[in-house]
């Protein structure tokens, strides 16, 4: 159970002794061991490269041999540099975890692209995440990161789902069941926020999804 008394974890929900899940990127073991010690999770997910190097393999062995007898340890393989794919893995994982569990996410070890993907996956499901944190190298201080949200409306999500498949404003407005004026306002907002961008000249006009847009529609 999550039984830490660290200030960054203190809240009323903590008193309910809800099952605790820790999701962490993987490289060196220090921050993972510290996170486990502070949180005492019931279940641990290790996010490993699809082709883990020797450091990741050794860290995984250390974690499993040390904590495996008392904690359920699972591995999830993620891409090394494709943060959209990493975000999709996190979204799928969060969707599968029981709503009765409190989910904590450690982005300290591993590649920056993986940390970005994990963050974006959490932003796509902010309601399922209790805390996201980072532990500076050589420190035992835990820095809590804000849990942000893409904050898109149902109509905007429908636009993201359809904008690359439907190439005329009228057809797109019909597809998402909105007025042309509202469609243009939503498209402008999505473009201003970096979720879509104009297609390059020579590709027939219209818009395409950015990586952020691909994640926001998950």
N, C-alpha and C. Protein backbone atom coordinates (compact mmCIF):
# COMPACT_ATOMS: atom_id res chain seq x y z
N UNK A 1 0.83 -1.20 0.00
CA UNK A 1 0.00 0.00 0.00
C UNK A 1 0.87 1.26 0.00
N UNK A 2 0.31 2.37 -0.48
CA UNK A 2 1.03 3.63 -0.45
C UNK A 2 1.01 4.16 0.98
N UNK A 3 2.10 4.01 1.69
CA UNK A 3 2.09 4.40 3.10
C UNK A 3 3.10 5.48 3.43
N UNK A 4 3.69 6.12 2.39
CA UNK A 4 4.67 7.16 2.65
C UNK A 4 4.05 8.36 3.33
N UNK A 5 4.84 9.07 4.12
CA UNK A 5 4.36 10.29 4.75
C UNK A 5 5.06 11.51 4.15
N UNK A 6 5.74 11.31 3.01
CA UNK A 6 6.37 12.44 2.35
C UNK A 6 5.31 13.49 2.00
N UNK A 7 5.70 14.74 2.10
CA UNK A 7 4.75 15.83 1.88
C UNK A 7 4.13 15.79 0.50
N UNK A 8 4.91 15.36 -0.49
CA UNK A 8 4.38 15.41 -1.85
C UNK A 8 3.29 14.37 -2.07
N UNK A 9 3.11 13.44 -1.15
CA UNK A 9 2.09 12.43 -1.30
C UNK A 9 0.94 12.59 -0.32
N UNK A 10 1.05 13.52 0.60
CA UNK A 10 0.05 13.62 1.64
C UNK A 10 -1.26 14.18 1.11
N UNK A 11 -2.34 13.46 1.30
CA UNK A 11 -3.68 13.94 1.01
C UNK A 11 -4.66 12.98 1.66
N UNK A 12 -5.93 13.32 1.64
CA UNK A 12 -6.92 12.51 2.33
C UNK A 12 -7.07 11.13 1.73
N UNK A 13 -6.90 11.02 0.41
CA UNK A 13 -7.05 9.72 -0.24
C UNK A 13 -6.02 8.73 0.28
N UNK A 14 -4.87 9.25 0.71
CA UNK A 14 -3.81 8.39 1.18
C UNK A 14 -4.25 7.59 2.41
N UNK A 15 -5.19 8.14 3.16
CA UNK A 15 -5.64 7.49 4.38
C UNK A 15 -6.51 6.26 4.08
N UNK A 16 -6.97 6.15 2.85
CA UNK A 16 -7.86 5.04 2.49
C UNK A 16 -7.10 3.75 2.18
N UNK A 17 -5.75 3.81 2.18
CA UNK A 17 -4.93 2.63 1.87
C UNK A 17 -5.35 1.99 0.56
N UNK A 18 -5.50 2.81 -0.45
CA UNK A 18 -5.84 2.29 -1.77
C UNK A 18 -4.64 1.57 -2.36
N UNK A 19 -4.88 0.52 -3.17
CA UNK A 19 -3.76 -0.16 -3.82
C UNK A 19 -2.94 0.83 -4.64
N UNK A 20 -1.64 0.66 -4.61
CA UNK A 20 -0.73 1.61 -5.24
C UNK A 20 -0.02 0.97 -6.42
N UNK A 21 0.02 1.68 -7.54
CA UNK A 21 0.72 1.22 -8.74
C UNK A 21 1.80 2.25 -9.07
N UNK A 22 3.01 1.76 -9.31
CA UNK A 22 4.11 2.62 -9.73
C UNK A 22 4.51 2.26 -11.15
N UNK A 23 4.50 3.25 -12.03
CA UNK A 23 4.96 3.09 -13.41
C UNK A 23 6.26 3.87 -13.53
N UNK A 24 7.32 3.25 -14.04
CA UNK A 24 8.59 3.95 -14.12
C UNK A 24 9.35 3.61 -15.40
N UNK A 25 9.99 4.62 -15.97
CA UNK A 25 10.97 4.36 -17.01
C UNK A 25 12.16 3.67 -16.35
N UNK A 26 13.03 3.09 -17.16
CA UNK A 26 14.11 2.26 -16.60
C UNK A 26 15.45 2.61 -17.23
N UNK A 27 16.41 2.84 -16.37
CA UNK A 27 17.82 2.81 -16.76
C UNK A 27 18.60 2.41 -15.51
N UNK A 28 19.23 3.35 -14.84
CA UNK A 28 19.88 2.99 -13.58
C UNK A 28 18.81 2.76 -12.51
N UNK A 29 19.21 2.10 -11.43
CA UNK A 29 18.22 1.63 -10.45
C UNK A 29 17.94 2.60 -9.31
N UNK A 30 18.77 3.64 -9.12
CA UNK A 30 18.69 4.45 -7.91
C UNK A 30 17.31 5.06 -7.69
N UNK A 31 16.80 5.75 -8.68
CA UNK A 31 15.51 6.44 -8.50
C UNK A 31 14.36 5.45 -8.36
N UNK A 32 14.50 4.29 -9.00
CA UNK A 32 13.44 3.28 -8.91
C UNK A 32 13.39 2.70 -7.50
N UNK A 33 14.57 2.38 -6.96
CA UNK A 33 14.63 1.85 -5.60
C UNK A 33 14.10 2.87 -4.60
N UNK A 34 14.48 4.15 -4.78
CA UNK A 34 13.99 5.20 -3.89
C UNK A 34 12.47 5.34 -3.99
N UNK A 35 11.95 5.27 -5.21
CA UNK A 35 10.50 5.38 -5.41
C UNK A 35 9.76 4.22 -4.73
N UNK A 36 10.29 3.02 -4.89
CA UNK A 36 9.66 1.86 -4.26
C UNK A 36 9.72 1.98 -2.74
N UNK A 37 10.86 2.43 -2.23
CA UNK A 37 11.02 2.58 -0.78
C UNK A 37 10.04 3.60 -0.22
N UNK A 38 9.86 4.70 -0.94
CA UNK A 38 8.97 5.76 -0.45
C UNK A 38 7.49 5.37 -0.60
N UNK A 39 7.15 4.70 -1.69
CA UNK A 39 5.74 4.44 -2.00
C UNK A 39 5.22 3.10 -1.52
N UNK A 40 6.11 2.13 -1.40
CA UNK A 40 5.69 0.76 -1.07
C UNK A 40 4.54 0.31 -1.98
N UNK A 41 4.75 0.30 -3.30
CA UNK A 41 3.65 -0.03 -4.22
C UNK A 41 3.25 -1.50 -4.15
N UNK A 42 2.03 -1.78 -4.53
CA UNK A 42 1.54 -3.15 -4.65
C UNK A 42 1.93 -3.76 -5.99
N UNK A 43 2.06 -2.89 -7.01
CA UNK A 43 2.37 -3.36 -8.35
C UNK A 43 3.31 -2.38 -9.02
N UNK A 44 4.25 -2.91 -9.78
CA UNK A 44 5.27 -2.08 -10.42
C UNK A 44 5.34 -2.42 -11.91
N UNK A 45 5.30 -1.38 -12.76
CA UNK A 45 5.47 -1.55 -14.19
C UNK A 45 6.80 -0.92 -14.61
N UNK A 46 7.67 -1.73 -15.19
CA UNK A 46 8.96 -1.27 -15.69
C UNK A 46 8.85 -1.04 -17.19
N UNK A 47 9.12 0.18 -17.64
CA UNK A 47 9.04 0.52 -19.06
C UNK A 47 10.42 0.34 -19.68
N UNK A 48 10.59 -0.75 -20.42
CA UNK A 48 11.88 -1.10 -20.99
C UNK A 48 11.90 -0.85 -22.49
N UNK A 49 13.10 -0.55 -23.01
CA UNK A 49 13.26 -0.48 -24.46
C UNK A 49 12.87 -1.81 -25.08
N UNK A 50 12.43 -1.78 -26.33
CA UNK A 50 12.11 -3.04 -27.00
C UNK A 50 13.35 -3.92 -27.17
N UNK A 51 14.51 -3.26 -27.22
CA UNK A 51 15.78 -3.99 -27.20
C UNK A 51 16.62 -3.41 -26.07
N UNK A 52 16.35 -3.82 -24.82
CA UNK A 52 17.04 -3.23 -23.68
C UNK A 52 18.55 -3.49 -23.71
N UNK A 53 19.32 -2.47 -23.29
CA UNK A 53 20.76 -2.66 -23.23
C UNK A 53 21.14 -3.35 -21.92
N UNK A 54 22.44 -3.51 -21.71
CA UNK A 54 22.90 -4.26 -20.55
C UNK A 54 22.55 -3.56 -19.23
N UNK A 55 22.57 -2.23 -19.23
CA UNK A 55 22.23 -1.49 -18.01
C UNK A 55 20.78 -1.73 -17.63
N UNK A 56 19.88 -1.65 -18.61
CA UNK A 56 18.46 -1.91 -18.34
C UNK A 56 18.24 -3.34 -17.89
N UNK A 57 18.92 -4.28 -18.52
CA UNK A 57 18.77 -5.69 -18.13
C UNK A 57 19.23 -5.90 -16.69
N UNK A 58 20.36 -5.29 -16.34
CA UNK A 58 20.89 -5.44 -14.98
C UNK A 58 19.96 -4.80 -13.97
N UNK A 59 19.46 -3.59 -14.30
CA UNK A 59 18.53 -2.90 -13.39
C UNK A 59 17.27 -3.73 -13.18
N UNK A 60 16.75 -4.29 -14.25
CA UNK A 60 15.54 -5.12 -14.14
C UNK A 60 15.79 -6.33 -13.25
N UNK A 61 16.94 -6.95 -13.41
CA UNK A 61 17.30 -8.10 -12.57
C UNK A 61 17.38 -7.70 -11.10
N UNK A 62 17.99 -6.54 -10.84
CA UNK A 62 18.13 -6.06 -9.46
C UNK A 62 16.75 -5.82 -8.84
N UNK A 63 15.88 -5.13 -9.59
CA UNK A 63 14.55 -4.80 -9.08
C UNK A 63 13.75 -6.08 -8.83
N UNK A 64 13.79 -7.01 -9.77
CA UNK A 64 13.02 -8.25 -9.62
C UNK A 64 13.53 -9.10 -8.47
N UNK A 65 14.86 -9.22 -8.34
CA UNK A 65 15.40 -10.06 -7.28
C UNK A 65 15.20 -9.44 -5.91
N UNK A 66 15.23 -8.11 -5.85
CA UNK A 66 15.11 -7.42 -4.56
C UNK A 66 13.66 -7.28 -4.12
N UNK A 67 12.79 -6.90 -5.05
CA UNK A 67 11.41 -6.58 -4.69
C UNK A 67 10.37 -7.58 -5.21
N UNK A 68 10.78 -8.43 -6.15
CA UNK A 68 9.84 -9.38 -6.73
C UNK A 68 9.11 -10.26 -5.73
N UNK A 69 9.77 -10.67 -4.66
CA UNK A 69 9.06 -11.52 -3.69
C UNK A 69 7.90 -10.83 -2.97
N UNK A 70 7.91 -9.48 -2.95
CA UNK A 70 6.86 -8.77 -2.19
C UNK A 70 6.02 -7.84 -3.05
N UNK A 71 6.45 -7.57 -4.28
CA UNK A 71 5.74 -6.67 -5.18
C UNK A 71 5.52 -7.38 -6.51
N UNK A 72 4.35 -7.20 -7.08
CA UNK A 72 4.10 -7.73 -8.43
C UNK A 72 4.82 -6.84 -9.43
N UNK A 73 5.80 -7.40 -10.13
CA UNK A 73 6.61 -6.63 -11.08
C UNK A 73 6.27 -7.07 -12.50
N UNK A 74 5.90 -6.09 -13.35
CA UNK A 74 5.58 -6.38 -14.74
C UNK A 74 6.45 -5.52 -15.65
N UNK A 75 6.71 -6.02 -16.83
CA UNK A 75 7.50 -5.30 -17.82
C UNK A 75 6.62 -4.87 -18.99
N UNK A 76 6.87 -3.66 -19.47
CA UNK A 76 6.22 -3.17 -20.68
C UNK A 76 7.31 -2.65 -21.61
N UNK A 77 7.34 -3.18 -22.83
CA UNK A 77 8.33 -2.73 -23.79
C UNK A 77 7.82 -1.53 -24.56
N UNK A 78 8.65 -0.50 -24.69
CA UNK A 78 8.28 0.73 -25.38
C UNK A 78 9.36 1.09 -26.39
N UNK A 79 8.98 1.88 -27.36
CA UNK A 79 9.94 2.35 -28.36
C UNK A 79 10.98 3.26 -27.72
N UNK A 80 12.14 3.34 -28.37
CA UNK A 80 13.23 4.13 -27.82
C UNK A 80 13.06 5.62 -28.11
N UNK A 81 12.68 5.96 -29.34
CA UNK A 81 12.62 7.37 -29.74
C UNK A 81 11.25 7.84 -30.22
N UNK A 82 10.30 6.95 -30.40
CA UNK A 82 8.98 7.31 -30.90
C UNK A 82 8.06 7.64 -29.72
N UNK A 83 8.00 8.93 -29.34
CA UNK A 83 7.24 9.26 -28.14
C UNK A 83 5.73 9.15 -28.34
N UNK A 84 5.25 9.18 -29.59
CA UNK A 84 3.83 8.94 -29.83
C UNK A 84 3.48 7.50 -29.48
N UNK A 85 4.34 6.57 -29.89
CA UNK A 85 4.12 5.16 -29.56
C UNK A 85 4.21 4.93 -28.05
N UNK A 86 5.16 5.60 -27.39
CA UNK A 86 5.28 5.48 -25.93
C UNK A 86 4.00 5.98 -25.26
N UNK A 87 3.51 7.13 -25.71
CA UNK A 87 2.28 7.69 -25.14
C UNK A 87 1.11 6.73 -25.31
N UNK A 88 1.03 6.09 -26.49
CA UNK A 88 -0.05 5.12 -26.73
C UNK A 88 0.05 3.95 -25.76
N UNK A 89 1.26 3.48 -25.49
CA UNK A 89 1.46 2.39 -24.53
C UNK A 89 0.98 2.80 -23.14
N UNK A 90 1.30 4.04 -22.74
CA UNK A 90 0.89 4.54 -21.43
C UNK A 90 -0.63 4.68 -21.35
N UNK A 91 -1.25 5.20 -22.40
CA UNK A 91 -2.70 5.33 -22.43
C UNK A 91 -3.37 3.96 -22.28
N UNK A 92 -2.88 2.98 -23.04
CA UNK A 92 -3.45 1.63 -22.95
C UNK A 92 -3.26 1.06 -21.55
N UNK A 93 -2.10 1.30 -20.96
CA UNK A 93 -1.82 0.80 -19.62
C UNK A 93 -2.74 1.45 -18.59
N UNK A 94 -2.88 2.77 -18.67
CA UNK A 94 -3.75 3.48 -17.73
C UNK A 94 -5.21 3.06 -17.89
N UNK A 95 -5.62 2.81 -19.12
CA UNK A 95 -7.00 2.36 -19.35
C UNK A 95 -7.26 1.00 -18.73
N UNK A 96 -6.22 0.17 -18.65
CA UNK A 96 -6.38 -1.19 -18.14
C UNK A 96 -6.28 -1.29 -16.61
N UNK A 97 -5.65 -0.30 -15.99
CA UNK A 97 -5.46 -0.34 -14.54
C UNK A 97 -6.77 -0.05 -13.83
N UNK A 98 -7.02 -0.77 -12.76
CA UNK A 98 -8.27 -0.60 -12.01
C UNK A 98 -8.41 0.84 -11.52
N UNK A 99 -9.63 1.35 -11.58
CA UNK A 99 -9.90 2.70 -11.09
C UNK A 99 -9.79 2.77 -9.57
N UNK A 100 -9.68 1.63 -8.92
CA UNK A 100 -9.51 1.61 -7.47
C UNK A 100 -8.04 1.82 -7.07
N UNK A 101 -7.15 1.77 -8.06
CA UNK A 101 -5.72 1.92 -7.79
C UNK A 101 -5.28 3.38 -7.89
N UNK A 102 -4.32 3.75 -7.06
CA UNK A 102 -3.67 5.05 -7.20
C UNK A 102 -2.40 4.86 -8.03
N UNK A 103 -2.25 5.65 -9.08
CA UNK A 103 -1.15 5.48 -10.01
C UNK A 103 -0.13 6.60 -9.85
N UNK A 104 1.12 6.21 -9.63
CA UNK A 104 2.24 7.15 -9.53
C UNK A 104 3.21 6.85 -10.66
N UNK A 105 3.77 7.91 -11.24
CA UNK A 105 4.60 7.75 -12.43
C UNK A 105 5.95 8.42 -12.19
N UNK A 106 7.02 7.65 -12.38
CA UNK A 106 8.39 8.14 -12.22
C UNK A 106 9.03 8.25 -13.60
N UNK A 107 9.42 9.46 -14.00
CA UNK A 107 10.03 9.65 -15.33
C UNK A 107 11.52 9.94 -15.23
N UNK A 108 12.13 9.62 -14.09
CA UNK A 108 13.53 9.97 -13.87
C UNK A 108 14.50 9.24 -14.79
N UNK A 109 14.53 7.89 -14.77
CA UNK A 109 15.54 7.20 -15.59
C UNK A 109 15.09 7.06 -17.03
N UNK A 110 16.02 6.68 -17.90
CA UNK A 110 15.65 6.42 -19.29
C UNK A 110 15.88 7.60 -20.20
N UNK A 111 15.51 7.43 -21.45
CA UNK A 111 15.71 8.45 -22.49
C UNK A 111 14.71 9.59 -22.34
N UNK A 112 15.15 10.78 -22.77
CA UNK A 112 14.25 11.95 -22.72
C UNK A 112 13.02 11.73 -23.58
N UNK A 113 13.19 11.11 -24.75
CA UNK A 113 12.04 10.89 -25.62
C UNK A 113 11.01 9.98 -24.95
N UNK A 114 11.48 9.01 -24.18
CA UNK A 114 10.56 8.14 -23.46
C UNK A 114 9.85 8.91 -22.35
N UNK A 115 10.59 9.77 -21.65
CA UNK A 115 9.97 10.58 -20.60
C UNK A 115 8.90 11.48 -21.18
N UNK A 116 9.17 12.08 -22.35
CA UNK A 116 8.17 12.93 -23.01
C UNK A 116 6.94 12.11 -23.37
N UNK A 117 7.17 10.92 -23.93
CA UNK A 117 6.05 10.06 -24.29
C UNK A 117 5.21 9.66 -23.08
N UNK A 118 5.87 9.35 -21.97
CA UNK A 118 5.16 9.00 -20.75
C UNK A 118 4.33 10.18 -20.26
N UNK A 119 4.93 11.37 -20.25
CA UNK A 119 4.21 12.57 -19.84
C UNK A 119 2.97 12.79 -20.71
N UNK A 120 3.16 12.70 -22.03
CA UNK A 120 2.03 12.94 -22.94
C UNK A 120 0.94 11.89 -22.74
N UNK A 121 1.34 10.64 -22.49
CA UNK A 121 0.35 9.61 -22.22
C UNK A 121 -0.45 9.92 -20.97
N UNK A 122 0.23 10.42 -19.95
CA UNK A 122 -0.45 10.82 -18.72
C UNK A 122 -1.37 12.02 -18.96
N UNK A 123 -0.95 12.94 -19.82
CA UNK A 123 -1.78 14.11 -20.13
C UNK A 123 -3.05 13.70 -20.89
N UNK A 124 -2.97 12.58 -21.61
CA UNK A 124 -4.15 12.08 -22.33
C UNK A 124 -5.14 11.41 -21.38
N UNK A 125 -4.68 11.00 -20.19
CA UNK A 125 -5.55 10.38 -19.19
C UNK A 125 -5.25 10.96 -17.80
N UNK A 126 -5.33 12.28 -17.64
CA UNK A 126 -4.93 12.89 -16.37
C UNK A 126 -5.77 12.44 -15.18
N UNK A 127 -7.01 12.05 -15.44
CA UNK A 127 -7.90 11.63 -14.35
C UNK A 127 -7.48 10.30 -13.74
N UNK A 128 -6.59 9.57 -14.40
CA UNK A 128 -6.17 8.26 -13.90
C UNK A 128 -4.83 8.30 -13.18
N UNK A 129 -4.20 9.46 -13.09
CA UNK A 129 -2.86 9.56 -12.53
C UNK A 129 -2.88 10.39 -11.25
N UNK A 130 -2.30 9.84 -10.20
CA UNK A 130 -2.26 10.54 -8.92
C UNK A 130 -1.12 11.54 -8.86
N UNK A 131 0.11 11.09 -9.20
CA UNK A 131 1.27 11.96 -9.18
C UNK A 131 2.24 11.55 -10.29
N UNK A 132 2.91 12.55 -10.86
CA UNK A 132 4.05 12.34 -11.75
C UNK A 132 5.24 12.99 -11.08
N UNK A 133 6.38 12.30 -11.04
CA UNK A 133 7.51 12.91 -10.33
C UNK A 133 8.84 12.59 -10.99
N UNK A 134 9.83 13.40 -10.58
CA UNK A 134 11.20 13.31 -11.10
C UNK A 134 12.14 13.46 -9.93
N UNK A 135 13.21 12.67 -9.90
CA UNK A 135 14.20 12.73 -8.82
C UNK A 135 15.53 13.17 -9.43
N UNK A 136 16.04 14.36 -9.08
CA UNK A 136 17.31 14.84 -9.65
C UNK A 136 18.46 13.88 -9.34
N UNK A 137 19.41 13.82 -10.25
CA UNK A 137 20.55 12.93 -10.08
C UNK A 137 21.32 13.25 -8.80
N UNK A 138 21.63 12.24 -8.03
CA UNK A 138 22.38 12.41 -6.80
C UNK A 138 21.58 12.98 -5.65
N UNK A 139 20.26 13.08 -5.82
CA UNK A 139 19.41 13.67 -4.79
C UNK A 139 18.36 12.66 -4.35
N UNK A 140 17.84 12.88 -3.14
CA UNK A 140 16.71 12.09 -2.67
C UNK A 140 15.44 12.93 -2.61
N UNK A 141 15.54 14.15 -3.16
CA UNK A 141 14.37 15.02 -3.22
C UNK A 141 13.49 14.59 -4.39
N UNK A 142 12.19 14.58 -4.16
CA UNK A 142 11.23 14.20 -5.19
C UNK A 142 10.52 15.45 -5.68
N UNK A 143 10.63 15.71 -6.97
CA UNK A 143 9.98 16.87 -7.57
C UNK A 143 8.68 16.42 -8.22
N UNK A 144 7.57 16.94 -7.74
CA UNK A 144 6.28 16.60 -8.32
C UNK A 144 6.00 17.49 -9.53
N UNK A 145 5.63 16.89 -10.63
CA UNK A 145 5.35 17.63 -11.85
C UNK A 145 3.84 17.85 -12.00
N UNK A 146 3.45 18.93 -12.64
CA UNK A 146 2.01 19.17 -12.84
C UNK A 146 1.40 18.13 -13.76
N UNK A 147 0.17 17.74 -13.46
CA UNK A 147 -0.56 16.82 -14.33
C UNK A 147 -1.44 17.69 -15.24
N UNK A 148 -1.00 17.87 -16.45
CA UNK A 148 -1.71 18.73 -17.40
C UNK A 148 -2.70 17.90 -18.20
N UNK A 149 -3.50 18.58 -19.00
CA UNK A 149 -4.49 17.92 -19.84
C UNK A 149 -4.50 18.58 -21.21
N UNK A 150 -4.77 17.79 -22.24
CA UNK A 150 -4.91 18.37 -23.58
C UNK A 150 -6.17 19.21 -23.68
N UNK A 151 -7.16 18.94 -22.85
CA UNK A 151 -8.35 19.77 -22.71
C UNK A 151 -9.00 20.08 -24.07
N UNK A 152 -9.36 19.03 -24.79
CA UNK A 152 -10.06 19.22 -26.05
C UNK A 152 -11.52 18.78 -25.89
N UNK A 153 -12.38 19.44 -26.60
CA UNK A 153 -13.80 19.12 -26.52
C UNK A 153 -14.10 17.87 -27.36
N UNK A 154 -15.31 17.35 -27.19
CA UNK A 154 -15.73 16.19 -27.97
C UNK A 154 -15.69 16.50 -29.47
N UNK A 155 -16.16 17.70 -29.83
CA UNK A 155 -16.15 18.09 -31.26
C UNK A 155 -14.73 18.19 -31.79
N UNK A 156 -13.82 18.72 -30.96
CA UNK A 156 -12.43 18.84 -31.41
C UNK A 156 -11.78 17.48 -31.57
N UNK A 157 -12.10 16.54 -30.69
CA UNK A 157 -11.57 15.19 -30.85
C UNK A 157 -12.09 14.55 -32.13
N UNK A 158 -13.36 14.77 -32.43
CA UNK A 158 -13.93 14.24 -33.67
C UNK A 158 -13.23 14.84 -34.88
N UNK A 159 -12.87 16.12 -34.78
CA UNK A 159 -12.14 16.77 -35.88
C UNK A 159 -10.77 16.13 -36.04
N UNK A 160 -10.08 15.90 -34.93
CA UNK A 160 -8.77 15.25 -34.99
C UNK A 160 -8.88 13.85 -35.60
N UNK A 161 -9.96 13.15 -35.29
CA UNK A 161 -10.16 11.81 -35.83
C UNK A 161 -10.41 11.82 -37.34
N UNK A 162 -10.95 12.91 -37.85
CA UNK A 162 -11.44 12.90 -39.24
C UNK A 162 -10.70 13.83 -40.19
N UNK A 163 -9.92 14.77 -39.69
CA UNK A 163 -9.43 15.86 -40.53
C UNK A 163 -8.48 15.39 -41.63
N UNK A 164 -7.78 14.27 -41.39
CA UNK A 164 -6.86 13.78 -42.43
C UNK A 164 -7.58 12.92 -43.47
N UNK A 165 -8.81 12.51 -43.16
CA UNK A 165 -9.54 11.62 -44.07
C UNK A 165 -10.56 12.37 -44.91
N UNK A 166 -10.99 13.54 -44.45
CA UNK A 166 -12.02 14.30 -45.14
C UNK A 166 -11.44 15.64 -45.56
N UNK A 167 -11.47 15.93 -46.85
CA UNK A 167 -10.70 17.06 -47.36
C UNK A 167 -11.51 18.31 -47.69
N UNK A 168 -12.82 18.33 -47.41
CA UNK A 168 -13.59 19.54 -47.65
C UNK A 168 -14.25 19.99 -46.36
N UNK A 169 -14.31 21.31 -46.13
CA UNK A 169 -14.93 21.82 -44.90
C UNK A 169 -16.37 21.37 -44.74
N UNK A 170 -17.15 21.36 -45.82
CA UNK A 170 -18.55 20.97 -45.71
C UNK A 170 -18.68 19.52 -45.26
N UNK A 171 -17.90 18.63 -45.88
CA UNK A 171 -17.96 17.20 -45.52
C UNK A 171 -17.50 16.99 -44.08
N UNK A 172 -16.47 17.73 -43.66
CA UNK A 172 -15.96 17.59 -42.30
C UNK A 172 -16.99 18.11 -41.29
N UNK A 173 -17.63 19.24 -41.60
CA UNK A 173 -18.67 19.78 -40.71
C UNK A 173 -19.83 18.80 -40.59
N UNK A 174 -20.20 18.15 -41.69
CA UNK A 174 -21.27 17.15 -41.65
C UNK A 174 -20.86 15.95 -40.81
N UNK A 175 -19.60 15.54 -40.95
CA UNK A 175 -19.11 14.36 -40.23
C UNK A 175 -19.14 14.57 -38.72
N UNK A 176 -18.74 15.76 -38.27
CA UNK A 176 -18.68 16.02 -36.82
C UNK A 176 -19.95 16.71 -36.32
N UNK A 177 -20.92 16.88 -37.23
CA UNK A 177 -22.24 17.44 -36.88
C UNK A 177 -22.11 18.80 -36.19
N UNK A 178 -21.45 19.73 -36.90
CA UNK A 178 -21.31 21.08 -36.38
C UNK A 178 -21.48 22.06 -37.53
N UNK A 179 -21.63 23.33 -37.20
CA UNK A 179 -21.76 24.35 -38.24
C UNK A 179 -20.39 24.67 -38.84
N UNK A 180 -20.40 25.24 -40.03
CA UNK A 180 -19.13 25.62 -40.66
C UNK A 180 -18.39 26.65 -39.80
N UNK A 181 -19.14 27.58 -39.21
CA UNK A 181 -18.50 28.62 -38.39
C UNK A 181 -17.82 28.00 -37.17
N UNK A 182 -18.51 27.07 -36.50
CA UNK A 182 -17.93 26.41 -35.33
C UNK A 182 -16.75 25.53 -35.75
N UNK A 183 -16.87 24.90 -36.91
CA UNK A 183 -15.77 24.07 -37.42
C UNK A 183 -14.52 24.92 -37.60
N UNK A 184 -14.65 26.09 -38.22
CA UNK A 184 -13.49 26.95 -38.45
C UNK A 184 -12.89 27.43 -37.13
N UNK A 185 -13.74 27.73 -36.15
CA UNK A 185 -13.22 28.16 -34.84
C UNK A 185 -12.43 27.03 -34.18
N UNK A 186 -12.97 25.81 -34.27
CA UNK A 186 -12.27 24.67 -33.67
C UNK A 186 -10.96 24.37 -34.38
N UNK A 187 -10.97 24.46 -35.71
CA UNK A 187 -9.75 24.21 -36.47
C UNK A 187 -8.69 25.25 -36.12
N UNK A 188 -9.09 26.51 -36.01
CA UNK A 188 -8.13 27.56 -35.64
C UNK A 188 -7.56 27.29 -34.25
N UNK A 189 -8.42 26.90 -33.30
CA UNK A 189 -7.96 26.62 -31.94
C UNK A 189 -7.00 25.44 -31.93
N UNK A 190 -7.33 24.38 -32.66
CA UNK A 190 -6.46 23.21 -32.71
C UNK A 190 -5.11 23.54 -33.35
N UNK A 191 -5.14 24.38 -34.39
CA UNK A 191 -3.89 24.79 -35.04
C UNK A 191 -3.06 25.68 -34.11
N UNK A 192 -3.72 26.63 -33.44
CA UNK A 192 -3.01 27.53 -32.53
C UNK A 192 -2.34 26.76 -31.39
N UNK A 193 -2.95 25.65 -30.98
CA UNK A 193 -2.43 24.86 -29.86
C UNK A 193 -1.46 23.76 -30.31
N UNK A 194 -1.20 23.71 -31.62
CA UNK A 194 -0.19 22.79 -32.13
C UNK A 194 -0.64 21.37 -32.33
N UNK A 195 -1.96 21.13 -32.44
CA UNK A 195 -2.46 19.78 -32.65
C UNK A 195 -2.60 19.43 -34.13
N UNK A 196 -2.74 20.44 -34.97
CA UNK A 196 -2.79 20.24 -36.41
C UNK A 196 -1.94 21.32 -37.07
N UNK A 197 -1.56 21.06 -38.32
CA UNK A 197 -0.80 22.05 -39.08
C UNK A 197 -1.14 21.88 -40.56
N UNK A 198 -0.99 22.94 -41.34
CA UNK A 198 -1.30 22.82 -42.77
C UNK A 198 -0.38 21.80 -43.44
N UNK A 199 -0.95 21.06 -44.38
CA UNK A 199 -0.13 20.14 -45.15
C UNK A 199 0.84 20.93 -46.03
N UNK A 200 2.01 20.39 -46.31
CA UNK A 200 2.94 21.09 -47.20
C UNK A 200 2.33 21.28 -48.58
N UNK A 201 2.76 22.33 -49.25
CA UNK A 201 2.27 22.55 -50.62
C UNK A 201 2.62 21.34 -51.47
N UNK A 202 1.70 20.96 -52.32
CA UNK A 202 1.93 19.78 -53.14
C UNK A 202 1.23 18.53 -52.61
N UNK A 203 0.67 18.64 -51.37
CA UNK A 203 -0.04 17.50 -50.81
C UNK A 203 -1.55 17.70 -50.84
N UNK A 204 -2.00 18.65 -51.61
CA UNK A 204 -3.44 18.80 -51.83
C UNK A 204 -4.15 19.72 -50.86
N UNK A 205 -3.43 20.43 -50.03
CA UNK A 205 -4.07 21.33 -49.09
C UNK A 205 -4.66 20.61 -47.89
N UNK A 206 -5.32 21.39 -47.03
CA UNK A 206 -5.91 20.82 -45.84
C UNK A 206 -4.92 20.76 -44.69
N UNK A 207 -5.24 19.98 -43.68
CA UNK A 207 -4.42 19.89 -42.47
C UNK A 207 -3.99 18.46 -42.20
N UNK A 208 -2.92 18.33 -41.42
CA UNK A 208 -2.49 17.02 -40.93
C UNK A 208 -2.26 17.11 -39.43
N UNK A 209 -2.31 15.98 -38.78
CA UNK A 209 -2.08 15.94 -37.34
C UNK A 209 -0.60 16.08 -37.03
N UNK A 210 -0.28 16.83 -35.99
CA UNK A 210 1.07 16.81 -35.44
C UNK A 210 1.18 15.62 -34.49
N UNK A 211 2.37 15.38 -33.98
CA UNK A 211 2.52 14.29 -33.00
C UNK A 211 1.65 14.56 -31.78
N UNK A 212 1.59 15.83 -31.35
CA UNK A 212 0.75 16.17 -30.20
C UNK A 212 -0.72 15.90 -30.51
N UNK A 213 -1.13 16.17 -31.74
CA UNK A 213 -2.52 15.89 -32.13
C UNK A 213 -2.83 14.42 -32.15
N UNK A 214 -1.86 13.60 -32.58
CA UNK A 214 -2.05 12.15 -32.58
C UNK A 214 -2.26 11.62 -31.17
N UNK A 215 -1.55 12.23 -30.21
CA UNK A 215 -1.68 11.79 -28.82
C UNK A 215 -2.97 12.33 -28.22
N UNK A 216 -3.32 13.58 -28.53
CA UNK A 216 -4.51 14.19 -27.94
C UNK A 216 -5.78 13.45 -28.30
N UNK A 217 -5.79 12.78 -29.43
CA UNK A 217 -7.02 12.08 -29.83
C UNK A 217 -7.11 10.66 -29.28
N UNK A 218 -6.07 10.19 -28.56
CA UNK A 218 -6.08 8.83 -28.01
C UNK A 218 -7.24 8.62 -27.04
